[in-house]
Amino acid sequence: MPDSLKFKIDGVEHATSPGTTVASALLNAGVTAFRTSVTGEPRAPLCGMGSCFECRVTIDGVANVRSCLEMVREGMEIETGG
């Protein structure tokens, strides 16, 4: 197993340990707004277990993925709306 995984957040390369959720990796990278609400308010994880849907991001072109339920994979591309 590799020591770290490389992935991109909004086009910028980052690295994290295997077994890290996307939500944790985003927070560790200093991302505080994962998306914006329909009224333009910033949103970020609230529950951390997939119930609230506040942590949705686009992963590898798939929109509205709950980042707290996805593990970072090598080469993953994450897009926030924040």
PDB file of N, CA and C in Angstrom:
ATOM      1  N   MET A   1       0.851  -1.170   0.000  1.00  0.00           N
ATOM      2  CA  MET A   1       0.000   0.000   0.000  1.00  0.00           C
ATOM      3  C   MET A   1       0.905   1.245   0.000  1.00  0.00           C
ATOM      4  N   PRO A   2       0.573   2.236  -0.807  1.00  0.00           N
ATOM      5  CA  PRO A   2       1.408   3.444  -0.861  1.00  0.00           C
ATOM      6  C   PRO A   2       1.317   4.244   0.439  1.00  0.00           C
ATOM      7  N   ASP A   3       2.362   5.042   0.697  1.00  0.00           N
ATOM      8  CA  ASP A   3       2.374   5.899   1.882  1.00  0.00           C
ATOM      9  C   ASP A   3       1.421   7.077   1.748  1.00  0.00           C
ATOM     10  N   SER A   4       1.228   7.541   0.508  1.00  0.00           N
ATOM     11  CA  SER A   4       0.311   8.653   0.287  1.00  0.00           C
ATOM     12  C   SER A   4      -0.336   8.533  -1.085  1.00  0.00           C
ATOM     13  N   LEU A   5      -1.482   9.183  -1.208  1.00  0.00           N
ATOM     14  CA  LEU A   5      -2.237   9.211  -2.459  1.00  0.00           C
ATOM     15  C   LEU A   5      -2.261  10.640  -2.967  1.00  0.00           C
ATOM     16  N   LYS A   6      -2.040  10.810  -4.258  1.00  0.00           N
ATOM     17  CA  LYS A   6      -2.130  12.139  -4.859  1.00  0.00           C
ATOM     18  C   LYS A   6      -3.512  12.299  -5.470  1.00  0.00           C
ATOM     19  N   PHE A   7      -4.071  13.475  -5.285  1.00  0.00           N
ATOM     20  CA  PHE A   7      -5.393  13.794  -5.817  1.00  0.00           C
ATOM     21  C   PHE A   7      -5.445  15.296  -6.053  1.00  0.00           C
ATOM     22  N   LYS A   8      -6.484  15.765  -6.728  1.00  0.00           N
ATOM     23  CA  LYS A   8      -6.610  17.197  -6.994  1.00  0.00           C
ATOM     24  C   LYS A   8      -7.893  17.750  -6.388  1.00  0.00           C
ATOM     25  N   ILE A   9      -7.753  18.964  -5.852  1.00  0.00           N
ATOM     26  CA  ILE A   9      -8.905  19.729  -5.376  1.00  0.00           C
ATOM     27  C   ILE A   9      -8.962  20.985  -6.223  1.00  0.00           C
ATOM     28  N   ASP A  10     -10.012  21.117  -7.008  1.00  0.00           N
ATOM     29  CA  ASP A  10     -10.180  22.281  -7.878  1.00  0.00           C
ATOM     30  C   ASP A  10      -8.918  22.542  -8.707  1.00  0.00           C
ATOM     31  N   GLY A  11      -8.333  21.460  -9.218  1.00  0.00           N
ATOM     32  CA  GLY A  11      -7.182  21.553 -10.105  1.00  0.00           C
ATOM     33  C   GLY A  11      -5.829  21.638  -9.437  1.00  0.00           C
ATOM     34  N   VAL A  12      -5.783  21.715  -8.110  1.00  0.00           N
ATOM     35  CA  VAL A  12      -4.522  21.830  -7.373  1.00  0.00           C
ATOM     36  C   VAL A  12      -4.195  20.478  -6.744  1.00  0.00           C
ATOM     37  N   GLU A  13      -2.971  19.990  -6.980  1.00  0.00           N
ATOM     38  CA  GLU A  13      -2.590  18.681  -6.469  1.00  0.00           C
ATOM     39  C   GLU A  13      -2.333  18.703  -4.965  1.00  0.00           C
ATOM     40  N   HIS A  14      -2.788  17.654  -4.298  1.00  0.00           N
ATOM     41  CA  HIS A  14      -2.607  17.455  -2.866  1.00  0.00           C
ATOM     42  C   HIS A  14      -2.248  15.992  -2.648  1.00  0.00           C
ATOM     43  N   ALA A  15      -1.880  15.652  -1.420  1.00  0.00           N
ATOM     44  CA  ALA A  15      -1.604  14.267  -1.056  1.00  0.00           C
ATOM     45  C   ALA A  15      -2.209  13.995   0.309  1.00  0.00           C
ATOM     46  N   THR A  16      -2.589  12.745   0.531  1.00  0.00           N
ATOM     47  CA  THR A  16      -3.145  12.333   1.818  1.00  0.00           C
ATOM     48  C   THR A  16      -2.811  10.870   2.054  1.00  0.00           C
ATOM     49  N   SER A  17      -3.066  10.411   3.243  1.00  0.00           N
ATOM     50  CA  SER A  17      -2.826   9.016   3.601  1.00  0.00           C
ATOM     51  C   SER A  17      -3.941   8.127   3.067  1.00  0.00           C
ATOM     52  N   PRO A  18      -3.626   6.887   2.712  1.00  0.00           N
ATOM     53  CA  PRO A  18      -4.682   5.947   2.327  1.00  0.00           C
ATOM     54  C   PRO A  18      -5.688   5.794   3.472  1.00  0.00           C
ATOM     55  N   GLY A  19      -6.951   5.594   3.128  1.00  0.00           N
ATOM     56  CA  GLY A  19      -7.989   5.434   4.132  1.00  0.00           C
ATOM     57  C   GLY A  19      -8.598   6.732   4.615  1.00  0.00           C
ATOM     58  N   THR A  20      -8.277   7.839   3.946  1.00  0.00           N
ATOM     59  CA  THR A  20      -8.817   9.151   4.309  1.00  0.00           C
ATOM     60  C   THR A  20     -10.074   9.427   3.495  1.00  0.00           C
ATOM     61  N   THR A  21     -11.126   9.910   4.153  1.00  0.00           N
ATOM     62  CA  THR A  21     -12.320  10.276   3.398  1.00  0.00           C
ATOM     63  C   THR A  21     -12.059  11.570   2.636  1.00  0.00           C
ATOM     64  N   VAL A  22     -12.832  11.779   1.596  1.00  0.00           N
ATOM     65  CA  VAL A  22     -12.710  13.008   0.817  1.00  0.00           C
ATOM     66  C   VAL A  22     -13.004  14.215   1.702  1.00  0.00           C
ATOM     67  N   ALA A  23     -14.012  14.122   2.555  1.00  0.00           N
ATOM     68  CA  ALA A  23     -14.338  15.241   3.448  1.00  0.00           C
ATOM     69  C   ALA A  23     -13.150  15.586   4.339  1.00  0.00           C
ATOM     70  N   SER A  24     -12.518  14.588   4.924  1.00  0.00           N
ATOM     71  CA  SER A  24     -11.353  14.835   5.784  1.00  0.00           C
ATOM     72  C   SER A  24     -10.201  15.432   5.001  1.00  0.00           C
ATOM     73  N   ALA A  25      -9.970  14.915   3.795  1.00  0.00           N
ATOM     74  CA  ALA A  25      -8.881  15.436   2.964  1.00  0.00           C
ATOM     75  C   ALA A  25      -9.127  16.901   2.596  1.00  0.00           C
ATOM     76  N   LEU A  26     -10.373  17.240   2.290  1.00  0.00           N
ATOM     77  CA  LEU A  26     -10.701  18.627   1.967  1.00  0.00           C
ATOM     78  C   LEU A  26     -10.486  19.531   3.180  1.00  0.00           C
ATOM     79  N   LEU A  27     -10.962  19.110   4.326  1.00  0.00           N
ATOM     80  CA  LEU A  27     -10.784  19.911   5.536  1.00  0.00           C
ATOM     81  C   LEU A  27      -9.308  20.048   5.881  1.00  0.00           C
ATOM     82  N   ASN A  28      -8.538  18.951   5.745  1.00  0.00           N
ATOM     83  CA  ASN A  28      -7.098  19.005   6.014  1.00  0.00           C
ATOM     84  C   ASN A  28      -6.371  19.950   5.058  1.00  0.00           C
ATOM     85  N   ALA A  29      -6.928  20.122   3.856  1.00  0.00           N
ATOM     86  CA  ALA A  29      -6.333  21.024   2.868  1.00  0.00           C
ATOM     87  C   ALA A  29      -6.793  22.470   3.063  1.00  0.00           C
ATOM     88  N   GLY A  30      -7.621  22.707   4.072  1.00  0.00           N
ATOM     89  CA  GLY A  30      -8.069  24.066   4.361  1.00  0.00           C
ATOM     90  C   GLY A  30      -9.337  24.487   3.644  1.00  0.00           C
ATOM     91  N   VAL A  31     -10.008  23.551   2.984  1.00  0.00           N
ATOM     92  CA  VAL A  31     -11.256  23.873   2.291  1.00  0.00           C
ATOM     93  C   VAL A  31     -12.370  23.950   3.342  1.00  0.00           C
ATOM     94  N   THR A  32     -13.041  25.081   3.410  1.00  0.00           N
ATOM     95  CA  THR A  32     -14.113  25.252   4.388  1.00  0.00           C
ATOM     96  C   THR A  32     -15.496  25.360   3.751  1.00  0.00           C
ATOM     97  N   ALA A  33     -15.552  25.558   2.448  1.00  0.00           N
ATOM     98  CA  ALA A  33     -16.832  25.603   1.731  1.00  0.00           C
ATOM     99  C   ALA A  33     -16.789  24.553   0.632  1.00  0.00           C
ATOM    100  N   PHE A  34     -17.549  23.496   0.808  1.00  0.00           N
ATOM    101  CA  PHE A  34     -17.562  22.397  -0.155  1.00  0.00           C
ATOM    102  C   PHE A  34     -18.492  22.693  -1.323  1.00  0.00           C
ATOM    103  N   ARG A  35     -19.538  23.467  -1.060  1.00  0.00           N
ATOM    104  CA  ARG A  35     -20.527  23.833  -2.077  1.00  0.00           C
ATOM    105  C   ARG A  35     -21.241  25.073  -1.592  1.00  0.00           C
ATOM    106  N   THR A  36     -22.130  25.603  -2.413  1.00  0.00           N
ATOM    107  CA  THR A  36     -22.976  26.710  -1.984  1.00  0.00           C
ATOM    108  C   THR A  36     -24.435  26.290  -2.096  1.00  0.00           C
ATOM    109  N   SER A  37     -25.253  26.814  -1.202  1.00  0.00           N
ATOM    110  CA  SER A  37     -26.684  26.508  -1.236  1.00  0.00           C
ATOM    111  C   SER A  37     -27.333  27.263  -2.386  1.00  0.00           C
ATOM    112  N   VAL A  38     -28.611  27.015  -2.610  1.00  0.00           N
ATOM    113  CA  VAL A  38     -29.328  27.715  -3.680  1.00  0.00           C
ATOM    114  C   VAL A  38     -29.419  29.211  -3.417  1.00  0.00           C
ATOM    115  N   THR A  39     -29.247  29.619  -2.162  1.00  0.00           N
ATOM    116  CA  THR A  39     -29.257  31.042  -1.826  1.00  0.00           C
ATOM    117  C   THR A  39     -27.856  31.629  -1.745  1.00  0.00           C
ATOM    118  N   GLY A  40     -26.833  30.820  -2.072  1.00  0.00           N
ATOM    119  CA  GLY A  40     -25.465  31.305  -2.116  1.00  0.00           C
ATOM    120  C   GLY A  40     -24.667  31.173  -0.833  1.00  0.00           C
ATOM    121  N   GLU A  41     -25.222  30.504   0.164  1.00  0.00           N
ATOM    122  CA  GLU A  41     -24.518  30.317   1.434  1.00  0.00           C
ATOM    123  C   GLU A  41     -23.516  29.165   1.326  1.00  0.00           C
ATOM    124  N   PRO A  42     -22.315  29.314   1.908  1.00  0.00           N
ATOM    125  CA  PRO A  42     -21.334  28.224   1.882  1.00  0.00           C
ATOM    126  C   PRO A  42     -21.806  27.047   2.734  1.00  0.00           C
ATOM    127  N   ARG A  43     -21.517  25.853   2.275  1.00  0.00           N
ATOM    128  CA  ARG A  43     -21.900  24.628   2.984  1.00  0.00           C
ATOM    129  C   ARG A  43     -20.679  23.738   3.146  1.00  0.00           C
ATOM    130  N   ALA A  44     -20.664  22.983   4.246  1.00  0.00           N
ATOM    131  CA  ALA A  44     -19.579  22.052   4.551  1.00  0.00           C
ATOM    132  C   ALA A  44     -20.167  20.902   5.372  1.00  0.00           C
ATOM    133  N   PRO A  45     -19.378  19.882   5.675  1.00  0.00           N
ATOM    134  CA  PRO A  45     -19.915  18.741   6.422  1.00  0.00           C
ATOM    135  C   PRO A  45     -20.550  19.166   7.741  1.00  0.00           C
ATOM    136  N   LEU A  46     -21.651  18.512   8.044  1.00  0.00           N
ATOM    137  CA  LEU A  46     -22.342  18.759   9.298  1.00  0.00           C
ATOM    138  C   LEU A  46     -22.357  17.477  10.130  1.00  0.00           C
ATOM    139  N   CYS A  47     -22.867  16.398   9.546  1.00  0.00           N
ATOM    140  CA  CYS A  47     -23.016  15.160  10.321  1.00  0.00           C
ATOM    141  C   CYS A  47     -21.803  14.227  10.193  1.00  0.00           C
ATOM    142  N   GLY A  48     -21.142  14.230   9.044  1.00  0.00           N
ATOM    143  CA  GLY A  48     -19.982  13.368   8.836  1.00  0.00           C
ATOM    144  C   GLY A  48     -20.309  11.903   8.639  1.00  0.00           C
ATOM    145  N   MET A  49     -21.596  11.567   8.449  1.00  0.00           N
ATOM    146  CA  MET A  49     -21.960  10.161   8.254  1.00  0.00           C
ATOM    147  C   MET A  49     -22.980   9.953   7.135  1.00  0.00           C
ATOM    148  N   GLY A  50     -23.145  10.939   6.261  1.00  0.00           N
ATOM    149  CA  GLY A  50     -23.978  10.758   5.084  1.00  0.00           C
ATOM    150  C   GLY A  50     -25.440  11.078   5.230  1.00  0.00           C
ATOM    151  N   SER A  51     -25.866  11.585   6.371  1.00  0.00           N
ATOM    152  CA  SER A  51     -27.286  11.875   6.576  1.00  0.00           C
ATOM    153  C   SER A  51     -27.702  13.257   6.085  1.00  0.00           C
ATOM    154  N   CYS A  52     -26.810  14.252   6.191  1.00  0.00           N
ATOM    155  CA  CYS A  52     -27.232  15.633   5.956  1.00  0.00           C
ATOM    156  C   CYS A  52     -27.054  16.130   4.520  1.00  0.00           C
ATOM    157  N   PHE A  53     -26.205  15.522   3.723  1.00  0.00           N
ATOM    158  CA  PHE A  53     -25.962  15.894   2.320  1.00  0.00           C
ATOM    159  C   PHE A  53     -25.308  17.271   2.160  1.00  0.00           C
ATOM    160  N   GLU A  54     -24.780  17.857   3.218  1.00  0.00           N
ATOM    161  CA  GLU A  54     -24.151  19.180   3.130  1.00  0.00           C
ATOM    162  C   GLU A  54     -22.747  19.128   2.530  1.00  0.00           C
ATOM    163  N   CYS A  55     -22.129  17.960   2.483  1.00  0.00           N
ATOM    164  CA  CYS A  55     -20.734  17.834   2.057  1.00  0.00           C
ATOM    165  C   CYS A  55     -20.591  17.436   0.585  1.00  0.00           C
ATOM    166  N   ARG A  56     -21.636  17.631  -0.201  1.00  0.00           N
ATOM    167  CA  ARG A  56     -21.600  17.190  -1.602  1.00  0.00           C
ATOM    168  C   ARG A  56     -20.571  17.948  -2.428  1.00  0.00           C
ATOM    169  N   VAL A  57     -19.837  17.185  -3.243  1.00  0.00           N
ATOM    170  CA  VAL A  57     -18.843  17.723  -4.168  1.00  0.00           C
ATOM    171  C   VAL A  57     -18.951  16.950  -5.481  1.00  0.00           C
ATOM    172  N   THR A  58     -18.192  17.369  -6.474  1.00  0.00           N
ATOM    173  CA  THR A  58     -18.100  16.626  -7.729  1.00  0.00           C
ATOM    174  C   THR A  58     -16.799  15.840  -7.696  1.00  0.00           C
ATOM    175  N   ILE A  59     -16.888  14.535  -7.922  1.00  0.00           N
ATOM    176  CA  ILE A  59     -15.710  13.664  -7.919  1.00  0.00           C
ATOM    177  C   ILE A  59     -15.617  12.977  -9.276  1.00  0.00           C
ATOM    178  N   ASP A  60     -14.494  13.197  -9.940  1.00  0.00           N
ATOM    179  CA  ASP A  60     -14.241  12.602 -11.259  1.00  0.00           C
ATOM    180  C   ASP A  60     -15.422  12.818 -12.211  1.00  0.00           C
ATOM    181  N   GLY A  61     -15.991  14.025 -12.156  1.00  0.00           N
ATOM    182  CA  GLY A  61     -17.068  14.402 -13.057  1.00  0.00           C
ATOM    183  C   GLY A  61     -18.457  14.009 -12.608  1.00  0.00           C
ATOM    184  N   VAL A  62     -18.575  13.304 -11.492  1.00  0.00           N
ATOM    185  CA  VAL A  62     -19.885  12.898 -10.976  1.00  0.00           C
ATOM    186  C   VAL A  62     -20.304  13.896  -9.897  1.00  0.00           C
ATOM    187  N   ALA A  63     -21.396  14.589 -10.142  1.00  0.00           N
ATOM    188  CA  ALA A  63     -21.862  15.642  -9.227  1.00  0.00           C
ATOM    189  C   ALA A  63     -22.603  15.072  -8.027  1.00  0.00           C
ATOM    190  N   ASN A  64     -22.656  15.864  -6.978  1.00  0.00           N
ATOM    191  CA  ASN A  64     -23.451  15.585  -5.778  1.00  0.00           C
ATOM    192  C   ASN A  64     -23.063  14.305  -5.048  1.00  0.00           C
ATOM    193  N   VAL A  65     -21.759  14.039  -4.968  1.00  0.00           N
ATOM    194  CA  VAL A  65     -21.254  12.893  -4.214  1.00  0.00           C
ATOM    195  C   VAL A  65     -21.025  13.337  -2.772  1.00  0.00           C
ATOM    196  N   ARG A  66     -21.522  12.568  -1.816  1.00  0.00           N
ATOM    197  CA  ARG A  66     -21.308  12.894  -0.407  1.00  0.00           C
ATOM    198  C   ARG A  66     -19.856  12.569  -0.044  1.00  0.00           C
ATOM    199  N   SER A  67     -19.082  13.604   0.212  1.00  0.00           N
ATOM    200  CA  SER A  67     -17.644  13.444   0.422  1.00  0.00           C
ATOM    201  C   SER A  67     -17.299  12.696   1.703  1.00  0.00           C
ATOM    202  N   CYS A  68     -18.197  12.682   2.660  1.00  0.00           N
ATOM    203  CA  CYS A  68     -17.912  11.975   3.917  1.00  0.00           C
ATOM    204  C   CYS A  68     -18.005  10.466   3.756  1.00  0.00           C
ATOM    205  N   LEU A  69     -18.572  10.004   2.651  1.00  0.00           N
ATOM    206  CA  LEU A  69     -18.732   8.558   2.418  1.00  0.00           C
ATOM    207  C   LEU A  69     -17.737   7.995   1.409  1.00  0.00           C
ATOM    208  N   GLU A  70     -16.936   8.845   0.788  1.00  0.00           N
ATOM    209  CA  GLU A  70     -15.986   8.418  -0.246  1.00  0.00           C
ATOM    210  C   GLU A  70     -14.556   8.472   0.272  1.00  0.00           C
ATOM    211  N   MET A  71     -13.789   7.456  -0.045  1.00  0.00           N
ATOM    212  CA  MET A  71     -12.370   7.451   0.301  1.00  0.00           C
ATOM    213  C   MET A  71     -11.587   8.041  -0.863  1.00  0.00           C
ATOM    214  N   VAL A  72     -10.527   8.756  -0.544  1.00  0.00           N
ATOM    215  CA  VAL A  72      -9.667   9.325  -1.582  1.00  0.00           C
ATOM    216  C   VAL A  72      -8.976   8.178  -2.325  1.00  0.00           C
ATOM    217  N   ARG A  73      -8.959   8.297  -3.655  1.00  0.00           N
ATOM    218  CA  ARG A  73      -8.269   7.333  -4.514  1.00  0.00           C
ATOM    219  C   ARG A  73      -7.164   8.064  -5.271  1.00  0.00           C
ATOM    220  N   GLU A  74      -6.133   7.354  -5.621  1.00  0.00           N
ATOM    221  CA  GLU A  74      -5.031   7.909  -6.414  1.00  0.00           C
ATOM    222  C   GLU A  74      -5.588   8.527  -7.693  1.00  0.00           C
ATOM    223  N   GLY A  75      -5.209   9.781  -7.954  1.00  0.00           N
ATOM    224  CA  GLY A  75      -5.608  10.467  -9.173  1.00  0.00           C
ATOM    225  C   GLY A  75      -7.007  11.061  -9.153  1.00  0.00           C
ATOM    226  N   MET A  76      -7.701  10.948  -8.043  1.00  0.00           N
ATOM    227  CA  MET A  76      -9.064  11.483  -7.932  1.00  0.00           C
ATOM    228  C   MET A  76      -9.067  12.992  -8.176  1.00  0.00           C
ATOM    229  N   GLU A  77     -10.100  13.464  -8.872  1.00  0.00           N
ATOM    230  CA  GLU A  77     -10.258  14.896  -9.100  1.00  0.00           C
ATOM    231  C   GLU A  77     -11.542  15.361  -8.433  1.00  0.00           C
ATOM    232  N   ILE A  78     -11.382  16.262  -7.478  1.00  0.00           N
ATOM    233  CA  ILE A  78     -12.489  16.757  -6.673  1.00  0.00           C
ATOM    234  C   ILE A  78     -12.734  18.209  -7.036  1.00  0.00           C
ATOM    235  N   GLU A  79     -13.994  18.535  -7.259  1.00  0.00           N
ATOM    236  CA  GLU A  79     -14.375  19.928  -7.543  1.00  0.00           C
ATOM    237  C   GLU A  79     -15.363  20.368  -6.477  1.00  0.00           C
ATOM    238  N   THR A  80     -15.055  21.506  -5.861  1.00  0.00           N
ATOM    239  CA  THR A  80     -15.967  22.059  -4.874  1.00  0.00           C
ATOM    240  C   THR A  80     -16.767  23.174  -5.537  1.00  0.00           C
ATOM    241  N   GLY A  81     -17.820  23.553  -4.886  1.00  0.00           N
ATOM    242  CA  GLY A  81     -18.624  24.673  -5.392  1.00  0.00           C
ATOM    243  C   GLY A  81     -18.552  25.842  -4.433  1.00  0.00           C
ATOM    244  N   GLY A  82     -17.557  25.802  -3.552  1.00  0.00           N
ATOM    245  CA  GLY A  82     -17.450  26.801  -2.501  1.00  0.00           C
ATOM    246  C   GLY A  82     -16.696  28.011  -2.855  1.00  0.00           C
TER     247      GLY A  82
END
